[in-house]
PDB file of N, CA and C in Angstrom:
ATOM      1  N   MET A   1    -111.814  11.772 -88.666  1.00  0.00           N
ATOM      2  CA  MET A   1    -111.717  11.930 -90.098  1.00  0.00           C
ATOM      3  C   MET A   1    -110.669  13.010 -90.379  1.00  0.00           C
ATOM      4  N   ARG A   2    -109.827  12.756 -91.329  1.00  0.00           N
ATOM      5  CA  ARG A   2    -108.733  13.672 -91.652  1.00  0.00           C
ATOM      6  C   ARG A   2    -108.897  14.129 -93.105  1.00  0.00           C
ATOM      7  N   ALA A   3    -108.533  15.366 -93.344  1.00  0.00           N
ATOM      8  CA  ALA A   3    -108.612  15.932 -94.690  1.00  0.00           C
ATOM      9  C   ALA A   3    -107.281  16.577 -95.021  1.00  0.00           C
ATOM     10  N   ARG A   4    -107.077  16.850 -96.293  1.00  0.00           N
ATOM     11  CA  ARG A   4    -105.893  17.605 -96.695  1.00  0.00           C
ATOM     12  C   ARG A   4    -106.335  18.764 -97.565  1.00  0.00           C
ATOM     13  N   ILE A   5    -105.672  19.886 -97.345  1.00  0.00           N
ATOM     14  CA  ILE A   5    -105.971  21.118 -98.078  1.00  0.00           C
ATOM     15  C   ILE A   5    -104.729  21.450 -98.888  1.00  0.00           C
ATOM     16  N   TYR A   6    -104.916  21.608-100.184  1.00  0.00           N
ATOM     17  CA  TYR A   6    -103.775  21.876-101.055  1.00  0.00           C
ATOM     18  C   TYR A   6    -104.219  22.623-102.300  1.00  0.00           C
ATOM     19  N   GLN A   7    -103.242  23.169-102.984  1.00  0.00           N
ATOM     20  CA  GLN A   7    -103.472  23.829-104.264  1.00  0.00           C
ATOM     21  C   GLN A   7    -102.866  22.922-105.326  1.00  0.00           C
ATOM     22  N   PRO A   8    -103.655  22.421-106.279  1.00  0.00           N
ATOM     23  CA  PRO A   8    -103.124  21.456-107.231  1.00  0.00           C
ATOM     24  C   PRO A   8    -102.075  22.069-108.148  1.00  0.00           C
ATOM     25  N   SER A   9    -101.104  21.265-108.523  1.00  0.00           N
ATOM     26  CA  SER A   9    -100.081  21.725-109.458  1.00  0.00           C
ATOM     27  C   SER A   9    -100.559  21.445-110.879  1.00  0.00           C
ATOM     28  N   LYS A  10     -99.921  22.076-111.828  1.00  0.00           N
ATOM     29  CA  LYS A  10    -100.347  21.858-113.209  1.00  0.00           C
ATOM     30  C   LYS A  10     -99.837  20.503-113.690  1.00  0.00           C
ATOM     31  N   THR A  11    -100.585  19.900-114.552  1.00  0.00           N
ATOM     32  CA  THR A  11    -100.215  18.590-115.061  1.00  0.00           C
ATOM     33  C   THR A  11     -99.200  18.737-116.186  1.00  0.00           C
ATOM     34  N   ALA A  12     -98.622  17.633-116.573  1.00  0.00           N
ATOM     35  CA  ALA A  12     -97.644  17.659-117.652  1.00  0.00           C
ATOM     36  C   ALA A  12     -98.296  17.956-118.998  1.00  0.00           C
ATOM     37  N   MET A  13     -99.591  17.778-119.090  1.00  0.00           N
ATOM     38  CA  MET A  13    -100.300  18.006-120.344  1.00  0.00           C
ATOM     39  C   MET A  13    -100.762  19.445-120.491  1.00  0.00           C
ATOM     40  N   GLN A  14    -100.565  20.267-119.465  1.00  0.00           N
ATOM     41  CA  GLN A  14    -100.993  21.660-119.528  1.00  0.00           C
ATOM     42  C   GLN A  14     -99.807  22.564-119.786  1.00  0.00           C
ATOM     43  N   SER A  15    -100.029  23.604-120.538  1.00  0.00           N
ATOM     44  CA  SER A  15     -99.000  24.619-120.665  1.00  0.00           C
ATOM     45  C   SER A  15     -99.369  25.846-119.842  1.00  0.00           C
ATOM     46  N   GLY A  16    -100.641  25.992-119.530  1.00  0.00           N
ATOM     47  CA  GLY A  16    -101.094  27.123-118.741  1.00  0.00           C
ATOM     48  C   GLY A  16    -101.354  26.738-117.297  1.00  0.00           C
ATOM     49  N   LYS A  17    -101.834  27.687-116.526  1.00  0.00           N
ATOM     50  CA  LYS A  17    -102.083  27.467-115.108  1.00  0.00           C
ATOM     51  C   LYS A  17    -103.557  27.637-114.789  1.00  0.00           C
ATOM     52  N   ASN A  18    -104.426  27.142-115.650  1.00  0.00           N
ATOM     53  CA  ASN A  18    -105.854  27.385-115.517  1.00  0.00           C
ATOM     54  C   ASN A  18    -106.443  26.762-114.255  1.00  0.00           C
ATOM     55  N   LYS A  19    -106.186  25.508-113.981  1.00  0.00           N
ATOM     56  CA  LYS A  19    -106.833  24.824-112.864  1.00  0.00           C
ATOM     57  C   LYS A  19    -105.952  24.770-111.623  1.00  0.00           C
ATOM     58  N   THR A  20    -105.013  25.685-111.488  1.00  0.00           N
ATOM     59  CA  THR A  20    -104.112  25.652-110.350  1.00  0.00           C
ATOM     60  C   THR A  20    -104.376  26.764-109.348  1.00  0.00           C
ATOM     61  N   LYS A  21    -105.385  27.586-109.568  1.00  0.00           N
ATOM     62  CA  LYS A  21    -105.625  28.707-108.668  1.00  0.00           C
ATOM     63  C   LYS A  21    -106.548  28.345-107.509  1.00  0.00           C
ATOM     64  N   ALA A  22    -107.399  27.366-107.661  1.00  0.00           N
ATOM     65  CA  ALA A  22    -108.342  26.978-106.610  1.00  0.00           C
ATOM     66  C   ALA A  22    -107.640  26.113-105.563  1.00  0.00           C
ATOM     67  N   TRP A  23    -108.167  26.133-104.363  1.00  0.00           N
ATOM     68  CA  TRP A  23    -107.676  25.281-103.277  1.00  0.00           C
ATOM     69  C   TRP A  23    -108.654  24.129-103.113  1.00  0.00           C
ATOM     70  N   LEU A  24    -108.138  22.932-102.892  1.00  0.00           N
ATOM     71  CA  LEU A  24    -108.973  21.745-102.762  1.00  0.00           C
ATOM     72  C   LEU A  24    -108.908  21.198-101.347  1.00  0.00           C
ATOM     73  N   LEU A  25    -110.039  20.691-100.874  1.00  0.00           N
ATOM     74  CA  LEU A  25    -110.109  19.947 -99.628  1.00  0.00           C
ATOM     75  C   LEU A  25    -110.614  18.572 -99.996  1.00  0.00           C
ATOM     76  N   GLU A  26    -109.823  17.560 -99.711  1.00  0.00           N
ATOM     77  CA  GLU A  26    -110.281  16.194 -99.952  1.00  0.00           C
ATOM     78  C   GLU A  26    -109.976  15.340 -98.736  1.00  0.00           C
ATOM     79  N   TYR A  27    -110.823  14.363 -98.516  1.00  0.00           N
ATOM     80  CA  TYR A  27    -110.718  13.516 -97.338  1.00  0.00           C
ATOM     81  C   TYR A  27    -109.676  12.427 -97.563  1.00  0.00           C
ATOM     82  N   ALA A  28    -108.976  12.104 -96.492  1.00  0.00           N
ATOM     83  CA  ALA A  28    -108.015  10.999 -96.547  1.00  0.00           C
ATOM     84  C   ALA A  28    -108.793   9.687 -96.516  1.00  0.00           C
ATOM     85  N   PRO A  29    -108.298   8.648 -97.176  1.00  0.00           N
ATOM     86  CA  PRO A  29    -109.026   7.373 -97.173  1.00  0.00           C
ATOM     87  C   PRO A  29    -109.047   6.751 -95.774  1.00  0.00           C
ATOM     88  N   ASN A  30    -110.211   6.195 -95.389  1.00  0.00           N
ATOM     89  CA  ASN A  30    -110.346   5.542 -94.091  1.00  0.00           C
ATOM     90  C   ASN A  30    -109.814   4.122 -94.105  1.00  0.00           C
ATOM     91  N   SER A  31    -109.859   3.490 -95.257  1.00  0.00           N
ATOM     92  CA  SER A  31    -109.385   2.111 -95.355  1.00  0.00           C
ATOM     93  C   SER A  31    -108.593   1.947 -96.649  1.00  0.00           C
ATOM     94  N   ALA A  32    -107.772   0.946 -96.666  1.00  0.00           N
ATOM     95  CA  ALA A  32    -106.967   0.673 -97.856  1.00  0.00           C
ATOM     96  C   ALA A  32    -107.840   0.081 -98.961  1.00  0.00           C
ATOM     97  N   LYS A  33    -107.406   0.258-100.195  1.00  0.00           N
ATOM     98  CA  LYS A  33    -108.148  -0.313-101.319  1.00  0.00           C
ATOM     99  C   LYS A  33    -107.907  -1.819-101.386  1.00  0.00           C
ATOM    100  N   LYS A  34    -108.925  -2.538-101.846  1.00  0.00           N
ATOM    101  CA  LYS A  34    -108.843  -3.990-101.954  1.00  0.00           C
ATOM    102  C   LYS A  34    -108.893  -4.383-103.424  1.00  0.00           C
ATOM    103  N   VAL A  35    -108.283  -5.492-103.733  1.00  0.00           N
ATOM    104  CA  VAL A  35    -108.304  -5.997-105.099  1.00  0.00           C
ATOM    105  C   VAL A  35    -109.494  -6.929-105.246  1.00  0.00           C
ATOM    106  N   ASP A  36    -110.308  -6.669-106.268  1.00  0.00           N
ATOM    107  CA  ASP A  36    -111.459  -7.512-106.548  1.00  0.00           C
ATOM    108  C   ASP A  36    -110.963  -8.869-107.047  1.00  0.00           C
ATOM    109  N   PRO A  37    -111.396  -9.972-106.430  1.00  0.00           N
ATOM    110  CA  PRO A  37    -110.857 -11.272-106.834  1.00  0.00           C
ATOM    111  C   PRO A  37    -111.266 -11.708-108.245  1.00  0.00           C
ATOM    112  N   LEU A  38    -112.407 -11.253-108.725  1.00  0.00           N
ATOM    113  CA  LEU A  38    -112.868 -11.682-110.032  1.00  0.00           C
ATOM    114  C   LEU A  38    -112.191 -10.913-111.166  1.00  0.00           C
ATOM    115  N   MET A  39    -112.211  -9.592-111.102  1.00  0.00           N
ATOM    116  CA  MET A  39    -111.709  -8.776-112.197  1.00  0.00           C
ATOM    117  C   MET A  39    -110.311  -8.220-111.957  1.00  0.00           C
ATOM    118  N   GLY A  40    -109.877  -8.144-110.706  1.00  0.00           N
ATOM    119  CA  GLY A  40    -108.566  -7.610-110.409  1.00  0.00           C
ATOM    120  C   GLY A  40    -108.532  -6.094-110.291  1.00  0.00           C
ATOM    121  N   TYR A  41    -109.705  -5.456-110.234  1.00  0.00           N
ATOM    122  CA  TYR A  41    -109.769  -4.009-110.092  1.00  0.00           C
ATOM    123  C   TYR A  41    -109.518  -3.613-108.635  1.00  0.00           C
ATOM    124  N   ASN A  42    -109.016  -2.417-108.438  1.00  0.00           N
ATOM    125  CA  ASN A  42    -108.906  -1.864-107.088  1.00  0.00           C
ATOM    126  C   ASN A  42    -110.249  -1.260-106.722  1.00  0.00           C
ATOM    127  N   SER A  43    -110.718  -1.577-105.516  1.00  0.00           N
ATOM    128  CA  SER A  43    -112.003  -1.040-105.085  1.00  0.00           C
ATOM    129  C   SER A  43    -111.914  -0.649-103.618  1.00  0.00           C
ATOM    130  N   SER A  44    -112.861   0.172-103.206  1.00  0.00           N
ATOM    131  CA  SER A  44    -112.912   0.628-101.833  1.00  0.00           C
ATOM    132  C   SER A  44    -114.360   0.871-101.457  1.00  0.00           C
ATOM    133  N   SER A  45    -114.669   0.678-100.183  1.00  0.00           N
ATOM    134  CA  SER A  45    -116.026   0.950 -99.710  1.00  0.00           C
ATOM    135  C   SER A  45    -116.128   2.347 -99.108  1.00  0.00           C
ATOM    136  N   ASP A  46    -115.037   3.078 -99.106  1.00  0.00           N
ATOM    137  CA  ASP A  46    -115.005   4.425 -98.555  1.00  0.00           C
ATOM    138  C   ASP A  46    -115.472   5.423 -99.618  1.00  0.00           C
ATOM    139  N   MET A  47    -116.649   5.993 -99.410  1.00  0.00           N
ATOM    140  CA  MET A  47    -117.218   6.901-100.418  1.00  0.00           C
ATOM    141  C   MET A  47    -116.726   8.335-100.264  1.00  0.00           C
ATOM    142  N   GLN A  48    -116.153   8.689 -99.108  1.00  0.00           N
ATOM    143  CA  GLN A  48    -115.743  10.066 -98.901  1.00  0.00           C
ATOM    144  C   GLN A  48    -114.471  10.423 -99.657  1.00  0.00           C
ATOM    145  N   GLN A  49    -113.714   9.448-100.092  1.00  0.00           N
ATOM    146  CA  GLN A  49    -112.502   9.792-100.833  1.00  0.00           C
ATOM    147  C   GLN A  49    -112.826  10.265-102.250  1.00  0.00           C
ATOM    148  N   GLN A  50    -114.075  10.192-102.639  1.00  0.00           N
ATOM    149  CA  GLN A  50    -114.491  10.704-103.941  1.00  0.00           C
ATOM    150  C   GLN A  50    -114.844  12.192-103.892  1.00  0.00           C
ATOM    151  N   ILE A  51    -114.944  12.749-102.699  1.00  0.00           N
ATOM    152  CA  ILE A  51    -115.373  14.137-102.535  1.00  0.00           C
ATOM    153  C   ILE A  51    -114.166  15.074-102.610  1.00  0.00           C
ATOM    154  N   LYS A  52    -114.254  16.080-103.475  1.00  0.00           N
ATOM    155  CA  LYS A  52    -113.260  17.137-103.562  1.00  0.00           C
ATOM    156  C   LYS A  52    -114.002  18.459-103.528  1.00  0.00           C
ATOM    157  N   LEU A  53    -113.731  19.253-102.514  1.00  0.00           N
ATOM    158  CA  LEU A  53    -114.370  20.554-102.389  1.00  0.00           C
ATOM    159  C   LEU A  53    -113.405  21.626-102.867  1.00  0.00           C
ATOM    160  N   LYS A  54    -113.890  22.552-103.697  1.00  0.00           N
ATOM    161  CA  LYS A  54    -113.061  23.630-104.230  1.00  0.00           C
ATOM    162  C   LYS A  54    -113.357  24.932-103.495  1.00  0.00           C
ATOM    163  N   PHE A  55    -112.287  25.665-103.206  1.00  0.00           N
ATOM    164  CA  PHE A  55    -112.391  26.963-102.550  1.00  0.00           C
ATOM    165  C   PHE A  55    -111.551  27.965-103.312  1.00  0.00           C
ATOM    166  N   GLU A  56    -111.936  29.235-103.210  1.00  0.00           N
ATOM    167  CA  GLU A  56    -111.208  30.274-103.927  1.00  0.00           C
ATOM    168  C   GLU A  56    -109.866  30.601-103.292  1.00  0.00           C
ATOM    169  N   ASP A  57    -109.785  30.471-101.963  1.00  0.00           N
ATOM    170  CA  ASP A  57    -108.524  30.787-101.295  1.00  0.00           C
ATOM    171  C   ASP A  57    -108.306  29.834-100.122  1.00  0.00           C
ATOM    172  N   GLN A  58    -107.115  29.884 -99.592  1.00  0.00           N
ATOM    173  CA  GLN A  58    -106.698  28.991 -98.526  1.00  0.00           C
ATOM    174  C   GLN A  58    -107.479  29.245 -97.237  1.00  0.00           C
ATOM    175  N   GLU A  59    -107.749  30.489 -96.934  1.00  0.00           N
ATOM    176  CA  GLU A  59    -108.423  30.839 -95.692  1.00  0.00           C
ATOM    177  C   GLU A  59    -109.841  30.269 -95.633  1.00  0.00           C
ATOM    178  N   SER A  60    -110.553  30.288 -96.746  1.00  0.00           N
ATOM    179  CA  SER A  60    -111.919  29.760 -96.740  1.00  0.00           C
ATOM    180  C   SER A  60    -111.921  28.235 -96.610  1.00  0.00           C
ATOM    181  N   ALA A  61    -110.920  27.562 -97.136  1.00  0.00           N
ATOM    182  CA  ALA A  61    -110.829  26.108 -96.965  1.00  0.00           C
ATOM    183  C   ALA A  61    -110.538  25.753 -95.513  1.00  0.00           C
ATOM    184  N   ILE A  62    -109.663  26.522 -94.883  1.00  0.00           N
ATOM    185  CA  ILE A  62    -109.355  26.287 -93.468  1.00  0.00           C
ATOM    186  C   ILE A  62    -110.567  26.608 -92.598  1.00  0.00           C
ATOM    187  N   ALA A  63    -111.292  27.667 -92.933  1.00  0.00           N
ATOM    188  CA  ALA A  63    -112.496  28.028 -92.177  1.00  0.00           C
ATOM    189  C   ALA A  63    -113.552  26.933 -92.280  1.00  0.00           C
ATOM    190  N   TYR A  64    -113.698  26.325 -93.458  1.00  0.00           N
ATOM    191  CA  TYR A  64    -114.654  25.227 -93.625  1.00  0.00           C
ATOM    192  C   TYR A  64    -114.258  24.030 -92.756  1.00  0.00           C
ATOM    193  N   ALA A  65    -112.973  23.703 -92.752  1.00  0.00           N
ATOM    194  CA  ALA A  65    -112.509  22.565 -91.961  1.00  0.00           C
ATOM    195  C   ALA A  65    -112.690  22.833 -90.464  1.00  0.00           C
ATOM    196  N   ASP A  66    -112.430  24.049 -90.037  1.00  0.00           N
ATOM    197  CA  ASP A  66    -112.620  24.390 -88.628  1.00  0.00           C
ATOM    198  C   ASP A  66    -114.097  24.382 -88.238  1.00  0.00           C
ATOM    199  N   LYS A  67    -114.951  24.861 -89.124  1.00  0.00           N
ATOM    200  CA  LYS A  67    -116.387  24.905 -88.848  1.00  0.00           C
ATOM    201  C   LYS A  67    -116.971  23.506 -88.683  1.00  0.00           C
ATOM    202  N   HIS A  68    -116.463  22.551 -89.471  1.00  0.00           N
ATOM    203  CA  HIS A  68    -116.993  21.188 -89.432  1.00  0.00           C
ATOM    204  C   HIS A  68    -116.129  20.243 -88.591  1.00  0.00           C
ATOM    205  N   ASN A  69    -115.240  20.802 -87.781  1.00  0.00           N
ATOM    206  CA  ASN A  69    -114.393  20.026 -86.865  1.00  0.00           C
ATOM    207  C   ASN A  69    -113.588  18.940 -87.579  1.00  0.00           C
ATOM    208  N   LEU A  70    -112.986  19.304 -88.688  1.00  0.00           N
ATOM    209  CA  LEU A  70    -112.151  18.368 -89.442  1.00  0.00           C
ATOM    210  C   LEU A  70    -110.682  18.610 -89.110  1.00  0.00           C
ATOM    211  N   ALA A  71    -109.976  17.551 -88.818  1.00  0.00           N
ATOM    212  CA  ALA A  71    -108.522  17.659 -88.693  1.00  0.00           C
ATOM    213  C   ALA A  71    -107.972  17.702 -90.111  1.00  0.00           C
ATOM    214  N   TYR A  72    -107.025  18.580 -90.359  1.00  0.00           N
ATOM    215  CA  TYR A  72    -106.537  18.738 -91.730  1.00  0.00           C
ATOM    216  C   TYR A  72    -105.038  18.907 -91.758  1.00  0.00           C
ATOM    217  N   ASP A  73    -104.471  18.551 -92.894  1.00  0.00           N
ATOM    218  CA  ASP A  73    -103.070  18.789 -93.197  1.00  0.00           C
ATOM    219  C   ASP A  73    -103.023  19.840 -94.285  1.00  0.00           C
ATOM    220  N   LEU A  74    -102.300  20.907 -94.045  1.00  0.00           N
ATOM    221  CA  LEU A  74    -102.164  21.979 -95.023  1.00  0.00           C
ATOM    222  C   LEU A  74    -100.881  21.757 -95.806  1.00  0.00           C
ATOM    223  N   ILE A  75    -101.002  21.599 -97.099  1.00  0.00           N
ATOM    224  CA  ILE A  75     -99.855  21.344 -97.962  1.00  0.00           C
ATOM    225  C   ILE A  75     -99.598  22.604 -98.780  1.00  0.00           C
ATOM    226  N   GLU A  76     -98.509  23.267 -98.468  1.00  0.00           N
ATOM    227  CA  GLU A  76     -98.138  24.496 -99.177  1.00  0.00           C
ATOM    228  C   GLU A  76     -97.440  24.141-100.490  1.00  0.00           C
ATOM    229  N   THR A  77     -97.712  24.913-101.529  1.00  0.00           N
ATOM    230  CA  THR A  77     -97.054  24.686-102.810  1.00  0.00           C
ATOM    231  C   THR A  77     -95.823  25.577-102.903  1.00  0.00           C
ATOM    232  N   LYS A  78     -94.815  25.067-103.542  1.00  0.00           N
ATOM    233  CA  LYS A  78     -93.592  25.835-103.738  1.00  0.00           C
ATOM    234  C   LYS A  78     -93.719  26.646-105.011  1.00  0.00           C
ATOM    235  N   LYS A  79     -93.353  27.888-104.929  1.00  0.00           N
ATOM    236  CA  LYS A  79     -93.368  28.749-106.106  1.00  0.00           C
ATOM    237  C   LYS A  79     -92.061  28.552-106.867  1.00  0.00           C
ATOM    238  N   VAL A  80     -92.163  28.294-108.143  1.00  0.00           N
ATOM    239  CA  VAL A  80     -90.999  28.045-108.977  1.00  0.00           C
ATOM    240  C   VAL A  80     -90.603  29.333-109.673  1.00  0.00           C
ATOM    241  N   LYS A  81     -89.349  29.713-109.545  1.00  0.00           N
ATOM    242  CA  LYS A  81     -88.855  30.893-110.239  1.00  0.00           C
ATOM    243  C   LYS A  81     -88.367  30.456-111.616  1.00  0.00           C
ATOM    244  N   ARG A  82     -88.913  31.044-112.628  1.00  0.00           N
ATOM    245  CA  ARG A  82     -88.504  30.730-113.992  1.00  0.00           C
ATOM    246  C   ARG A  82     -87.953  31.978-114.631  1.00  0.00           C
ATOM    247  N   GLN A  83     -86.894  31.793-115.362  1.00  0.00           N
ATOM    248  CA  GLN A  83     -86.350  32.911-116.104  1.00  0.00           C
ATOM    249  C   GLN A  83     -87.113  33.028-117.420  1.00  0.00           C
ATOM    250  N   PRO A  84     -87.390  34.238-117.842  1.00  0.00           N
ATOM    251  CA  PRO A  84     -88.099  34.385-119.105  1.00  0.00           C
ATOM    252  C   PRO A  84     -87.242  33.874-120.266  1.00  0.00           C
ATOM    253  N   ALA A  85     -87.846  33.051-121.077  1.00  0.00           N
ATOM    254  CA  ALA A  85     -87.132  32.478-122.213  1.00  0.00           C
ATOM    255  C   ALA A  85     -87.620  33.148-123.493  1.00  0.00           C
ATOM    256  N   SER A  86     -86.706  33.356-124.396  1.00  0.00           N
ATOM    257  CA  SER A  86     -87.088  33.902-125.684  1.00  0.00           C
ATOM    258  C   SER A  86     -86.301  33.180-126.768  1.00  0.00           C
ATOM    259  N   TYR A  87     -86.842  33.183-127.946  1.00  0.00           N
ATOM    260  CA  TYR A  87     -86.201  32.495-129.062  1.00  0.00           C
ATOM    261  C   TYR A  87     -84.848  33.091-129.428  1.00  0.00           C
ATOM    262  N   PRO A  88     -84.672  34.402-129.490  1.00  0.00           N
ATOM    263  CA  PRO A  88     -83.350  34.947-129.836  1.00  0.00           C
ATOM    264  C   PRO A  88     -82.268  34.630-128.798  1.00  0.00           C
ATOM    265  N   ALA A  89     -82.668  34.339-127.568  1.00  0.00           N
ATOM    266  CA  ALA A  89     -81.676  34.006-126.543  1.00  0.00           C
ATOM    267  C   ALA A  89     -80.947  32.705-126.870  1.00  0.00           C
ATOM    268  N   ASN A  90     -81.551  31.850-127.684  1.00  0.00           N
ATOM    269  CA  ASN A  90     -80.886  30.602-128.084  1.00  0.00           C
ATOM    270  C   ASN A  90     -79.657  30.868-128.941  1.00  0.00           C
ATOM    271  N   PHE A  91     -79.598  31.979-129.634  1.00  0.00           N
ATOM    272  CA  PHE A  91     -78.515  32.273-130.570  1.00  0.00           C
ATOM    273  C   PHE A  91     -77.631  33.424-130.110  1.00  0.00           C
ATOM    274  N   ALA A  92     -77.712  33.798-128.838  1.00  0.00           N
ATOM    275  CA  ALA A  92     -76.911  34.904-128.320  1.00  0.00           C
ATOM    276  C   ALA A  92     -75.437  34.520-128.282  1.00  0.00           C
ATOM    277  N   HIS A  93     -74.550  35.471-128.538  1.00  0.00           N
ATOM    278  CA  HIS A  93     -73.123  35.173-128.564  1.00  0.00           C
ATOM    279  C   HIS A  93     -72.566  34.980-127.156  1.00  0.00           C
ATOM    280  N   ASN A  94     -73.225  35.504-126.138  1.00  0.00           N
ATOM    281  CA  ASN A  94     -72.750  35.333-124.765  1.00  0.00           C
ATOM    282  C   ASN A  94     -73.586  34.307-124.004  1.00  0.00           C
ATOM    283  N   ARG A  95     -74.083  33.337-124.694  1.00  0.00           N
ATOM    284  CA  ARG A  95     -74.941  32.305-124.123  1.00  0.00           C
ATOM    285  C   ARG A  95     -74.167  31.441-123.138  1.00  0.00           C
ATOM    286  N   LYS A  96     -74.781  31.179-121.974  1.00  0.00           N
ATOM    287  CA  LYS A  96     -74.188  30.285-120.995  1.00  0.00           C
ATOM    288  C   LYS A  96     -74.781  28.901-121.197  1.00  0.00           C
ATOM    289  N   GLY A  97     -73.946  27.914-121.252  1.00  0.00           N
ATOM    290  CA  GLY A  97     -74.405  26.544-121.462  1.00  0.00           C
ATOM    291  C   GLY A  97     -73.888  26.014-122.780  1.00  0.00           C
ATOM    292  N   THR A  98     -74.146  24.761-123.037  1.00  0.00           N
ATOM    293  CA  THR A  98     -73.629  24.127-124.248  1.00  0.00           C
ATOM    294  C   THR A  98     -74.477  24.488-125.460  1.00  0.00           C
ATOM    295  N   TRP A  99     -73.854  24.513-126.593  1.00  0.00           N
ATOM    296  CA  TRP A  99     -74.546  24.782-127.854  1.00  0.00           C
ATOM    297  C   TRP A  99     -75.085  23.460-128.362  1.00  0.00           C
ATOM    298  N   THR A 100     -76.387  23.386-128.595  1.00  0.00           N
ATOM    299  CA  THR A 100     -76.999  22.112-128.972  1.00  0.00           C
ATOM    300  C   THR A 100     -77.500  22.088-130.403  1.00  0.00           C
ATOM    301  N   HIS A 101     -77.259  23.148-131.156  1.00  0.00           N
ATOM    302  CA  HIS A 101     -77.813  23.192-132.512  1.00  0.00           C
ATOM    303  C   HIS A 101     -76.790  22.699-133.502  1.00  0.00           C
TER     304      HIS A 101
END
């Protein structure tokens, strides 16, 4: 059984970083999903892919996987450097970039 440990990124619908601090451990699917012939829905008989365990930090997630003899893939998140934006910077006389107003 294989698991992956990662820190979720923020969704496009979020402006804050509320649900991005926890680390998740979720199991990889054991079998591919099948299409139901009657309704056309995707279904699977693998119940472990529904399990998501939350941890406060990366070390505790790795310790859990080691304790339960789980093979895991650790997915590191990239930190994005953002420059602070302010409204007056849009109208600065030494602005770099094209004027869009």
